[in-house]
Amino acid sequence: MNQTEAQTLVTYLNRAGMLQALEGQAPVWADALDDIAFPDAIESARALAKTSARWTTPGDIRVGVKALRNRRIDVMDHIDPPECIDPADTGRLIAWRREVNASVGAGMTTAQADVAACRSLRLTRRDAIAAPRPVPELVAQVASDAQATQARMAREYTARLRTTTEGTAA
């Protein structure tokens, strides 16, 4: 969390009557919650505002974020480890599972978390390797993409030219 996000969080908690905002408070909160994602922190603050009537500290936000992440992990879809990990290699299996859990806890879907874990551990699932596509299909796609890019660039150029012309005419 950066200072701007921390300021938003402090302002929210102040308006909810759970914190007395003081000058210079946001940098302290940003430092205390530097490893917490802002959307998770604000979701934790909202939950606290609905259920708590006491002053709030960064530690309370941390507890709420931990509960939020645990809920996400508890309801995630089951996914088997990649086949390239030897079942006897418990260290890699544990590392992969930790990466998946951390990513799901941070808000990714199970599929996204699997991709992130495999990338982090430099693993490749067999089904992730796409079958080769025919050359004519690839050529047609490249030509279509090039035409779309050219059309977009022409529109942008025309818009810039119009803005420049209008600015000199005034």
N, C-alpha and C. Protein backbone atom coordinates (compact mmCIF):
# COMPACT_ATOMS: atom_id res chain seq x y z
N MET A 1 0.85 -1.17 0.00
CA MET A 1 0.00 0.00 0.00
C MET A 1 0.90 1.24 0.00
N ASN A 2 0.55 2.19 -0.83
CA ASN A 2 1.34 3.42 -0.87
C ASN A 2 0.67 4.50 0.01
N GLN A 3 1.28 5.68 0.10
CA GLN A 3 0.77 6.72 1.00
C GLN A 3 -0.59 7.26 0.57
N THR A 4 -0.81 7.37 -0.73
CA THR A 4 -2.11 7.86 -1.20
C THR A 4 -3.22 6.89 -0.81
N GLU A 5 -2.96 5.60 -1.00
CA GLU A 5 -3.95 4.59 -0.62
C GLU A 5 -4.15 4.58 0.90
N ALA A 6 -3.05 4.73 1.64
CA ALA A 6 -3.15 4.77 3.10
C ALA A 6 -3.97 5.98 3.55
N GLN A 7 -3.80 7.10 2.88
CA GLN A 7 -4.58 8.29 3.20
C GLN A 7 -6.06 8.04 2.97
N THR A 8 -6.39 7.36 1.89
CA THR A 8 -7.78 7.01 1.59
C THR A 8 -8.34 6.10 2.68
N LEU A 9 -7.55 5.12 3.10
CA LEU A 9 -7.98 4.19 4.15
C LEU A 9 -8.18 4.93 5.48
N VAL A 10 -7.24 5.79 5.84
CA VAL A 10 -7.35 6.55 7.08
C VAL A 10 -8.59 7.45 7.03
N THR A 11 -8.82 8.09 5.89
CA THR A 11 -10.00 8.95 5.74
C THR A 11 -11.28 8.14 5.90
N TYR A 12 -11.33 6.97 5.29
CA TYR A 12 -12.51 6.10 5.40
C TYR A 12 -12.77 5.73 6.87
N LEU A 13 -11.72 5.29 7.55
CA LEU A 13 -11.87 4.89 8.96
C LEU A 13 -12.25 6.10 9.83
N ASN A 14 -11.72 7.27 9.51
CA ASN A 14 -12.07 8.48 10.26
C ASN A 14 -13.54 8.81 10.07
N ARG A 15 -14.00 8.73 8.85
CA ARG A 15 -15.41 9.05 8.57
C ARG A 15 -16.35 8.02 9.18
N ALA A 16 -15.84 6.79 9.38
CA ALA A 16 -16.66 5.74 10.01
C ALA A 16 -16.62 5.86 11.54
N GLY A 17 -15.85 6.82 12.05
CA GLY A 17 -15.76 7.03 13.49
C GLY A 17 -14.89 6.00 14.19
N MET A 18 -13.97 5.40 13.44
CA MET A 18 -13.14 4.35 14.01
C MET A 18 -11.69 4.77 14.18
N LEU A 19 -11.41 6.04 13.88
CA LEU A 19 -10.04 6.52 13.91
C LEU A 19 -10.06 8.04 13.93
N GLN A 20 -9.19 8.63 14.71
CA GLN A 20 -9.05 10.08 14.67
C GLN A 20 -7.88 10.39 13.76
N ALA A 21 -8.17 10.95 12.60
CA ALA A 21 -7.12 11.24 11.63
C ALA A 21 -6.24 12.38 12.13
N LEU A 22 -4.94 12.16 12.06
CA LEU A 22 -3.96 13.15 12.48
C LEU A 22 -3.01 13.44 11.33
N GLU A 23 -2.41 14.61 11.36
CA GLU A 23 -1.45 14.96 10.33
C GLU A 23 -0.26 14.00 10.39
N GLY A 24 0.18 13.52 9.24
CA GLY A 24 1.32 12.62 9.17
C GLY A 24 0.99 11.17 9.49
N GLN A 25 -0.28 10.85 9.61
CA GLN A 25 -0.68 9.49 9.98
C GLN A 25 -0.59 8.54 8.78
N ALA A 26 -0.91 9.02 7.60
CA ALA A 26 -0.94 8.16 6.41
C ALA A 26 0.41 7.49 6.14
N PRO A 27 1.55 8.20 6.24
CA PRO A 27 2.82 7.51 6.00
C PRO A 27 3.07 6.36 6.98
N VAL A 28 2.63 6.53 8.22
CA VAL A 28 2.82 5.47 9.21
C VAL A 28 1.97 4.26 8.84
N TRP A 29 0.72 4.50 8.43
CA TRP A 29 -0.15 3.40 8.03
C TRP A 29 0.40 2.74 6.76
N ALA A 30 0.92 3.52 5.82
CA ALA A 30 1.50 2.96 4.60
C ALA A 30 2.68 2.07 4.94
N ASP A 31 3.49 2.50 5.89
CA ASP A 31 4.64 1.70 6.31
C ASP A 31 4.19 0.42 7.01
N ALA A 32 3.19 0.54 7.87
CA ALA A 32 2.71 -0.63 8.63
C ALA A 32 1.99 -1.64 7.74
N LEU A 33 1.41 -1.17 6.63
CA LEU A 33 0.65 -2.05 5.75
C LEU A 33 1.28 -2.14 4.36
N ASP A 34 2.60 -2.01 4.29
CA ASP A 34 3.28 -1.96 2.99
C ASP A 34 3.15 -3.23 2.16
N ASP A 35 2.85 -4.35 2.78
CA ASP A 35 2.71 -5.61 2.04
C ASP A 35 1.25 -6.01 1.84
N ILE A 36 0.33 -5.12 2.16
CA ILE A 36 -1.11 -5.38 2.02
C ILE A 36 -1.63 -4.64 0.80
N ALA A 37 -2.39 -5.33 -0.04
CA ALA A 37 -2.99 -4.70 -1.22
C ALA A 37 -4.12 -3.78 -0.77
N PHE A 38 -4.22 -2.61 -1.39
CA PHE A 38 -5.24 -1.64 -1.00
C PHE A 38 -6.66 -2.18 -1.09
N PRO A 39 -7.05 -2.88 -2.17
CA PRO A 39 -8.43 -3.39 -2.22
C PRO A 39 -8.75 -4.33 -1.04
N ASP A 40 -7.77 -5.13 -0.64
CA ASP A 40 -7.99 -6.01 0.52
C ASP A 40 -8.11 -5.21 1.80
N ALA A 41 -7.29 -4.18 1.93
CA ALA A 41 -7.32 -3.34 3.14
C ALA A 41 -8.65 -2.61 3.26
N ILE A 42 -9.14 -2.07 2.16
CA ILE A 42 -10.39 -1.32 2.22
C ILE A 42 -11.56 -2.28 2.47
N GLU A 43 -11.49 -3.49 1.92
CA GLU A 43 -12.54 -4.48 2.19
C GLU A 43 -12.53 -4.87 3.66
N SER A 44 -11.36 -5.00 4.24
CA SER A 44 -11.24 -5.30 5.68
C SER A 44 -11.80 -4.14 6.50
N ALA A 45 -11.51 -2.91 6.09
CA ALA A 45 -12.02 -1.73 6.81
C ALA A 45 -13.54 -1.67 6.75
N ARG A 46 -14.09 -2.00 5.60
CA ARG A 46 -15.56 -2.01 5.46
C ARG A 46 -16.19 -3.04 6.39
N ALA A 47 -15.58 -4.21 6.46
CA ALA A 47 -16.09 -5.26 7.35
C ALA A 47 -16.00 -4.80 8.80
N LEU A 48 -14.91 -4.15 9.16
CA LEU A 48 -14.76 -3.64 10.53
C LEU A 48 -15.80 -2.56 10.83
N ALA A 49 -16.06 -1.70 9.85
CA ALA A 49 -17.03 -0.63 10.05
C ALA A 49 -18.43 -1.19 10.30
N LYS A 50 -18.71 -2.35 9.74
CA LYS A 50 -20.02 -2.97 9.91
C LYS A 50 -20.15 -3.72 11.24
N THR A 51 -19.02 -4.14 11.80
CA THR A 51 -19.09 -5.03 12.97
C THR A 51 -18.43 -4.50 14.22
N SER A 52 -17.63 -3.46 14.12
CA SER A 52 -16.85 -3.01 15.27
C SER A 52 -17.22 -1.58 15.65
N ALA A 53 -17.10 -1.29 16.94
CA ALA A 53 -17.40 0.06 17.41
C ALA A 53 -16.21 0.61 18.19
N ARG A 54 -15.02 0.10 17.90
CA ARG A 54 -13.84 0.56 18.64
C ARG A 54 -12.81 1.17 17.68
N TRP A 55 -11.81 1.81 18.26
CA TRP A 55 -10.74 2.40 17.46
C TRP A 55 -10.02 1.30 16.70
N THR A 56 -9.56 1.63 15.51
CA THR A 56 -8.93 0.66 14.63
C THR A 56 -7.45 0.97 14.47
N THR A 57 -6.64 -0.09 14.39
CA THR A 57 -5.20 0.04 14.19
C THR A 57 -4.81 -0.71 12.92
N PRO A 58 -3.59 -0.50 12.43
CA PRO A 58 -3.13 -1.28 11.27
C PRO A 58 -3.19 -2.79 11.55
N GLY A 59 -2.98 -3.18 12.79
CA GLY A 59 -3.06 -4.60 13.14
C GLY A 59 -4.45 -5.16 12.92
N ASP A 60 -5.49 -4.36 13.17
CA ASP A 60 -6.86 -4.81 12.92
C ASP A 60 -7.09 -5.03 11.43
N ILE A 61 -6.52 -4.16 10.62
CA ILE A 61 -6.64 -4.31 9.16
C ILE A 61 -5.93 -5.59 8.72
N ARG A 62 -4.75 -5.84 9.28
CA ARG A 62 -4.00 -7.06 8.96
C ARG A 62 -4.81 -8.31 9.28
N VAL A 63 -5.44 -8.33 10.46
CA VAL A 63 -6.25 -9.47 10.87
C VAL A 63 -7.41 -9.67 9.90
N GLY A 64 -8.06 -8.57 9.50
CA GLY A 64 -9.16 -8.66 8.56
C GLY A 64 -8.73 -9.16 7.19
N VAL A 65 -7.57 -8.70 6.72
CA VAL A 65 -7.05 -9.13 5.43
C VAL A 65 -6.69 -10.62 5.48
N LYS A 66 -6.10 -11.05 6.58
CA LYS A 66 -5.77 -12.48 6.73
C LYS A 66 -7.04 -13.33 6.67
N ALA A 67 -8.09 -12.90 7.34
CA ALA A 67 -9.37 -13.63 7.32
C ALA A 67 -9.94 -13.65 5.89
N LEU A 68 -9.85 -12.53 5.20
CA LEU A 68 -10.34 -12.44 3.82
C LEU A 68 -9.59 -13.42 2.92
N ARG A 69 -8.27 -13.43 3.03
CA ARG A 69 -7.45 -14.34 2.21
C ARG A 69 -7.76 -15.79 2.54
N ASN A 70 -7.92 -16.10 3.83
CA ASN A 70 -8.24 -17.47 4.22
C ASN A 70 -9.60 -17.91 3.66
N ARG A 71 -10.58 -17.00 3.64
CA ARG A 71 -11.88 -17.33 3.06
C ARG A 71 -11.75 -17.64 1.57
N ARG A 72 -10.95 -16.85 0.87
CA ARG A 72 -10.75 -17.10 -0.56
C ARG A 72 -10.10 -18.47 -0.79
N ILE A 73 -9.12 -18.79 0.03
CA ILE A 73 -8.43 -20.07 -0.11
C ILE A 73 -9.37 -21.23 0.22
N ASP A 74 -10.21 -21.05 1.22
CA ASP A 74 -11.13 -22.11 1.63
C ASP A 74 -12.13 -22.47 0.53
N VAL A 75 -12.53 -21.51 -0.28
CA VAL A 75 -13.54 -21.77 -1.31
C VAL A 75 -12.96 -21.96 -2.71
N MET A 76 -11.63 -21.97 -2.84
CA MET A 76 -11.05 -22.11 -4.17
C MET A 76 -11.29 -23.51 -4.72
N ASP A 77 -11.34 -23.57 -6.05
CA ASP A 77 -11.50 -24.85 -6.73
C ASP A 77 -10.25 -25.70 -6.53
N HIS A 78 -10.44 -27.01 -6.50
CA HIS A 78 -9.29 -27.91 -6.38
C HIS A 78 -8.53 -27.94 -7.70
N ILE A 79 -7.22 -27.97 -7.60
CA ILE A 79 -6.39 -28.10 -8.80
C ILE A 79 -5.21 -28.99 -8.45
N ASP A 80 -4.94 -29.92 -9.35
CA ASP A 80 -3.81 -30.83 -9.15
C ASP A 80 -2.51 -30.15 -9.54
N PRO A 81 -1.41 -30.53 -8.89
CA PRO A 81 -0.12 -29.96 -9.28
C PRO A 81 0.25 -30.38 -10.70
N PRO A 82 1.14 -29.65 -11.34
CA PRO A 82 1.57 -30.01 -12.69
C PRO A 82 2.21 -31.39 -12.71
N GLU A 83 2.05 -32.09 -13.82
CA GLU A 83 2.60 -33.44 -13.95
C GLU A 83 4.12 -33.44 -13.93
N CYS A 84 4.74 -32.30 -14.26
CA CYS A 84 6.20 -32.24 -14.32
C CYS A 84 6.85 -32.24 -12.93
N ILE A 85 6.04 -32.11 -11.88
CA ILE A 85 6.60 -32.20 -10.52
C ILE A 85 6.54 -33.66 -10.09
N ASP A 86 7.68 -34.20 -9.75
CA ASP A 86 7.75 -35.58 -9.27
C ASP A 86 7.00 -35.67 -7.94
N PRO A 87 6.05 -36.60 -7.82
CA PRO A 87 5.30 -36.74 -6.57
C PRO A 87 6.19 -36.96 -5.34
N ALA A 88 7.38 -37.48 -5.55
CA ALA A 88 8.30 -37.69 -4.43
C ALA A 88 9.01 -36.40 -4.03
N ASP A 89 8.95 -35.38 -4.88
CA ASP A 89 9.61 -34.10 -4.60
C ASP A 89 8.66 -33.21 -3.79
N THR A 90 8.55 -33.51 -2.51
CA THR A 90 7.60 -32.79 -1.66
C THR A 90 7.94 -31.31 -1.53
N GLY A 91 9.21 -30.96 -1.61
CA GLY A 91 9.60 -29.56 -1.52
C GLY A 91 9.00 -28.73 -2.63
N ARG A 92 9.06 -29.23 -3.87
CA ARG A 92 8.48 -28.51 -5.01
C ARG A 92 6.96 -28.51 -4.96
N LEU A 93 6.38 -29.63 -4.50
CA LEU A 93 4.92 -29.68 -4.36
C LEU A 93 4.44 -28.64 -3.35
N ILE A 94 5.14 -28.55 -2.23
CA ILE A 94 4.77 -27.57 -1.20
C ILE A 94 4.97 -26.16 -1.72
N ALA A 95 6.07 -25.92 -2.42
CA ALA A 95 6.33 -24.58 -2.97
C ALA A 95 5.24 -24.19 -3.97
N TRP A 96 4.83 -25.14 -4.84
CA TRP A 96 3.78 -24.86 -5.81
C TRP A 96 2.47 -24.54 -5.10
N ARG A 97 2.12 -25.36 -4.10
CA ARG A 97 0.86 -25.15 -3.36
C ARG A 97 0.87 -23.80 -2.64
N ARG A 98 2.01 -23.43 -2.05
CA ARG A 98 2.11 -22.13 -1.36
C ARG A 98 1.89 -20.98 -2.34
N GLU A 99 2.49 -21.11 -3.52
CA GLU A 99 2.32 -20.06 -4.54
C GLU A 99 0.86 -19.95 -4.96
N VAL A 100 0.21 -21.10 -5.18
CA VAL A 100 -1.20 -21.10 -5.58
C VAL A 100 -2.04 -20.47 -4.48
N ASN A 101 -1.83 -20.89 -3.24
CA ASN A 101 -2.62 -20.35 -2.12
C ASN A 101 -2.41 -18.84 -1.97
N ALA A 102 -1.17 -18.40 -2.07
CA ALA A 102 -0.88 -16.96 -1.94
C ALA A 102 -1.58 -16.17 -3.04
N SER A 103 -1.56 -16.70 -4.26
CA SER A 103 -2.19 -16.00 -5.38
C SER A 103 -3.71 -15.97 -5.25
N VAL A 104 -4.30 -17.09 -4.85
CA VAL A 104 -5.75 -17.13 -4.64
C VAL A 104 -6.13 -16.19 -3.50
N GLY A 105 -5.34 -16.22 -2.44
CA GLY A 105 -5.59 -15.32 -1.31
C GLY A 105 -5.53 -13.87 -1.71
N ALA A 106 -4.67 -13.56 -2.69
CA ALA A 106 -4.54 -12.18 -3.17
C ALA A 106 -5.65 -11.79 -4.14
N GLY A 107 -6.52 -12.76 -4.50
CA GLY A 107 -7.67 -12.41 -5.33
C GLY A 107 -7.69 -13.02 -6.72
N MET A 108 -6.70 -13.82 -7.07
CA MET A 108 -6.70 -14.46 -8.39
C MET A 108 -7.66 -15.64 -8.42
N THR A 109 -8.09 -16.00 -9.62
CA THR A 109 -8.85 -17.24 -9.78
C THR A 109 -7.88 -18.40 -9.64
N THR A 110 -8.43 -19.61 -9.51
CA THR A 110 -7.57 -20.78 -9.37
C THR A 110 -6.70 -20.96 -10.62
N ALA A 111 -7.29 -20.77 -11.78
CA ALA A 111 -6.53 -20.92 -13.04
C ALA A 111 -5.41 -19.89 -13.12
N GLN A 112 -5.70 -18.64 -12.77
CA GLN A 112 -4.67 -17.59 -12.78
C GLN A 112 -3.57 -17.91 -11.78
N ALA A 113 -3.98 -18.41 -10.62
CA ALA A 113 -3.00 -18.74 -9.58
C ALA A 113 -2.10 -19.88 -10.02
N ASP A 114 -2.66 -20.85 -10.73
CA ASP A 114 -1.85 -21.96 -11.23
C ASP A 114 -0.82 -21.46 -12.22
N VAL A 115 -1.24 -20.59 -13.13
CA VAL A 115 -0.31 -20.03 -14.11
C VAL A 115 0.80 -19.25 -13.40
N ALA A 116 0.43 -18.44 -12.41
CA ALA A 116 1.42 -17.65 -11.66
C ALA A 116 2.38 -18.56 -10.91
N ALA A 117 1.87 -19.62 -10.29
CA ALA A 117 2.73 -20.54 -9.54
C ALA A 117 3.69 -21.27 -10.48
N CYS A 118 3.17 -21.72 -11.61
CA CYS A 118 4.04 -22.40 -12.58
C CYS A 118 5.11 -21.46 -13.11
N ARG A 119 4.72 -20.22 -13.39
CA ARG A 119 5.70 -19.24 -13.88
C ARG A 119 6.76 -18.96 -12.81
N SER A 120 6.32 -18.81 -11.58
CA SER A 120 7.24 -18.52 -10.48
C SER A 120 8.26 -19.64 -10.27
N LEU A 121 7.79 -20.87 -10.40
CA LEU A 121 8.67 -22.03 -10.19
C LEU A 121 9.27 -22.55 -11.49
N ARG A 122 9.01 -21.85 -12.60
CA ARG A 122 9.53 -22.22 -13.92
C ARG A 122 9.10 -23.62 -14.32
N LEU A 123 7.80 -23.85 -14.21
CA LEU A 123 7.20 -25.13 -14.60
C LEU A 123 6.30 -24.91 -15.80
N THR A 124 6.12 -25.94 -16.60
CA THR A 124 5.21 -25.87 -17.74
C THR A 124 4.28 -27.07 -17.71
N ARG A 125 3.00 -26.79 -17.71
CA ARG A 125 2.02 -27.88 -17.80
C ARG A 125 1.98 -28.36 -19.24
N ARG A 126 1.80 -29.66 -19.43
CA ARG A 126 1.75 -30.22 -20.78
C ARG A 126 0.61 -29.62 -21.59
N ASP A 127 -0.55 -29.43 -20.94
CA ASP A 127 -1.70 -28.90 -21.67
C ASP A 127 -1.57 -27.40 -21.95
N ALA A 128 -0.56 -26.74 -21.37
CA ALA A 128 -0.35 -25.32 -21.62
C ALA A 128 0.41 -25.08 -22.91
N ILE A 129 1.01 -26.13 -23.45
CA ILE A 129 1.76 -26.01 -24.69
C ILE A 129 0.77 -26.16 -25.84
N ALA A 130 0.57 -25.10 -26.57
CA ALA A 130 -0.42 -25.09 -27.64
C ALA A 130 0.07 -25.89 -28.84
N ALA A 131 -0.86 -26.51 -29.53
CA ALA A 131 -0.54 -27.22 -30.76
C ALA A 131 -0.18 -26.20 -31.82
N PRO A 132 0.75 -26.54 -32.70
CA PRO A 132 1.13 -25.58 -33.75
C PRO A 132 -0.05 -25.27 -34.67
N ARG A 133 -0.13 -24.02 -35.09
CA ARG A 133 -1.22 -23.61 -35.98
C ARG A 133 -0.70 -23.59 -37.41
N PRO A 134 -1.57 -23.83 -38.37
CA PRO A 134 -1.15 -23.81 -39.78
C PRO A 134 -0.63 -22.42 -40.17
N VAL A 135 0.37 -22.40 -41.04
CA VAL A 135 1.00 -21.15 -41.46
C VAL A 135 -0.01 -20.19 -42.10
N PRO A 136 -0.90 -20.65 -42.99
CA PRO A 136 -1.86 -19.69 -43.58
C PRO A 136 -2.72 -19.00 -42.51
N GLU A 137 -3.08 -19.73 -41.46
CA GLU A 137 -3.88 -19.15 -40.38
C GLU A 137 -3.08 -18.07 -39.65
N LEU A 138 -1.80 -18.34 -39.39
CA LEU A 138 -0.94 -17.36 -38.72
C LEU A 138 -0.75 -16.11 -39.58
N VAL A 139 -0.55 -16.30 -40.88
CA VAL A 139 -0.36 -15.17 -41.80
C VAL A 139 -1.62 -14.31 -41.83
N ALA A 140 -2.78 -14.95 -41.89
CA ALA A 140 -4.04 -14.21 -41.91
C ALA A 140 -4.22 -13.40 -40.62
N GLN A 141 -3.86 -13.99 -39.49
CA GLN A 141 -3.99 -13.28 -38.21
C GLN A 141 -3.05 -12.07 -38.16
N VAL A 142 -1.81 -12.24 -38.60
CA VAL A 142 -0.85 -11.13 -38.60
C VAL A 142 -1.34 -10.01 -39.52
N ALA A 143 -1.87 -10.37 -40.69
CA ALA A 143 -2.37 -9.36 -41.62
C ALA A 143 -3.55 -8.61 -41.00
N SER A 144 -4.46 -9.33 -40.36
CA SER A 144 -5.61 -8.70 -39.72
C SER A 144 -5.17 -7.76 -38.60
N ASP A 145 -4.22 -8.22 -37.78
CA ASP A 145 -3.71 -7.38 -36.68
C ASP A 145 -3.04 -6.13 -37.23
N ALA A 146 -2.29 -6.27 -38.32
CA ALA A 146 -1.59 -5.13 -38.91
C ALA A 146 -2.60 -4.11 -39.44
N GLN A 147 -3.67 -4.57 -40.09
CA GLN A 147 -4.69 -3.66 -40.59
C GLN A 147 -5.38 -2.92 -39.45
N ALA A 148 -5.68 -3.64 -38.38
CA ALA A 148 -6.33 -3.01 -37.22
C ALA A 148 -5.42 -1.96 -36.60
N THR A 149 -4.15 -2.27 -36.49
CA THR A 149 -3.19 -1.33 -35.91
C THR A 149 -3.05 -0.10 -36.79
N GLN A 150 -2.98 -0.31 -38.08
CA GLN A 150 -2.86 0.81 -39.02
C GLN A 150 -4.10 1.71 -38.93
N ALA A 151 -5.27 1.14 -38.86
CA ALA A 151 -6.51 1.92 -38.77
C ALA A 151 -6.54 2.72 -37.46
N ARG A 152 -6.14 2.09 -36.34
CA ARG A 152 -6.12 2.78 -35.04
C ARG A 152 -5.13 3.94 -35.08
N MET A 153 -3.95 3.72 -35.65
CA MET A 153 -2.94 4.79 -35.71
C MET A 153 -3.43 5.95 -36.59
N ALA A 154 -4.15 5.65 -37.67
CA ALA A 154 -4.68 6.70 -38.54
C ALA A 154 -5.71 7.53 -37.78
N ARG A 155 -6.58 6.86 -37.00
CA ARG A 155 -7.57 7.61 -36.21
C ARG A 155 -6.88 8.50 -35.18
N GLU A 156 -5.87 7.97 -34.50
CA GLU A 156 -5.15 8.76 -33.49
C GLU A 156 -4.46 9.96 -34.13
N TYR A 157 -3.83 9.75 -35.30
CA TYR A 157 -3.15 10.83 -36.00
C TYR A 157 -4.14 11.92 -36.39
N THR A 158 -5.31 11.50 -36.92
CA THR A 158 -6.33 12.45 -37.33
C THR A 158 -6.83 13.26 -36.13
N ALA A 159 -7.03 12.60 -35.01
CA ALA A 159 -7.49 13.28 -33.80
C ALA A 159 -6.44 14.29 -33.32
N ARG A 160 -5.16 13.92 -33.34
CA ARG A 160 -4.09 14.84 -32.93
C ARG A 160 -4.02 16.03 -33.89
N LEU A 161 -4.15 15.75 -35.17
CA LEU A 161 -4.09 16.80 -36.18
C LEU A 161 -5.24 17.78 -35.99
N ARG A 162 -6.43 17.25 -35.71
CA ARG A 162 -7.61 18.09 -35.46
C ARG A 162 -7.37 18.97 -34.24
N THR A 163 -6.85 18.39 -33.17
CA THR A 163 -6.59 19.15 -31.93
C THR A 163 -5.56 20.26 -32.19
N THR A 164 -4.51 19.94 -32.94
CA THR A 164 -3.48 20.91 -33.25
C THR A 164 -4.04 22.03 -34.12
N THR A 165 -4.84 21.68 -35.12
CA THR A 165 -5.44 22.67 -36.01
C THR A 165 -6.39 23.58 -35.26
N GLU A 166 -7.20 23.01 -34.38
CA GLU A 166 -8.14 23.81 -33.59
C GLU A 166 -7.41 24.75 -32.65
N GLY A 167 -6.27 24.29 -32.12
CA GLY A 167 -5.49 25.12 -31.21
C GLY A 167 -4.86 26.32 -31.90
N THR A 168 -4.43 26.15 -33.14
CA THR A 168 -3.81 27.26 -33.89
C THR A 168 -4.86 28.21 -34.45
N ALA A 169 -6.07 27.70 -34.69
CA ALA A 169 -7.13 28.54 -35.23
C ALA A 169 -7.69 29.48 -34.16
N ALA A 170 -7.56 29.10 -32.91
CA ALA A 170 -8.13 29.92 -31.82
C ALA A 170 -7.24 31.04 -31.51
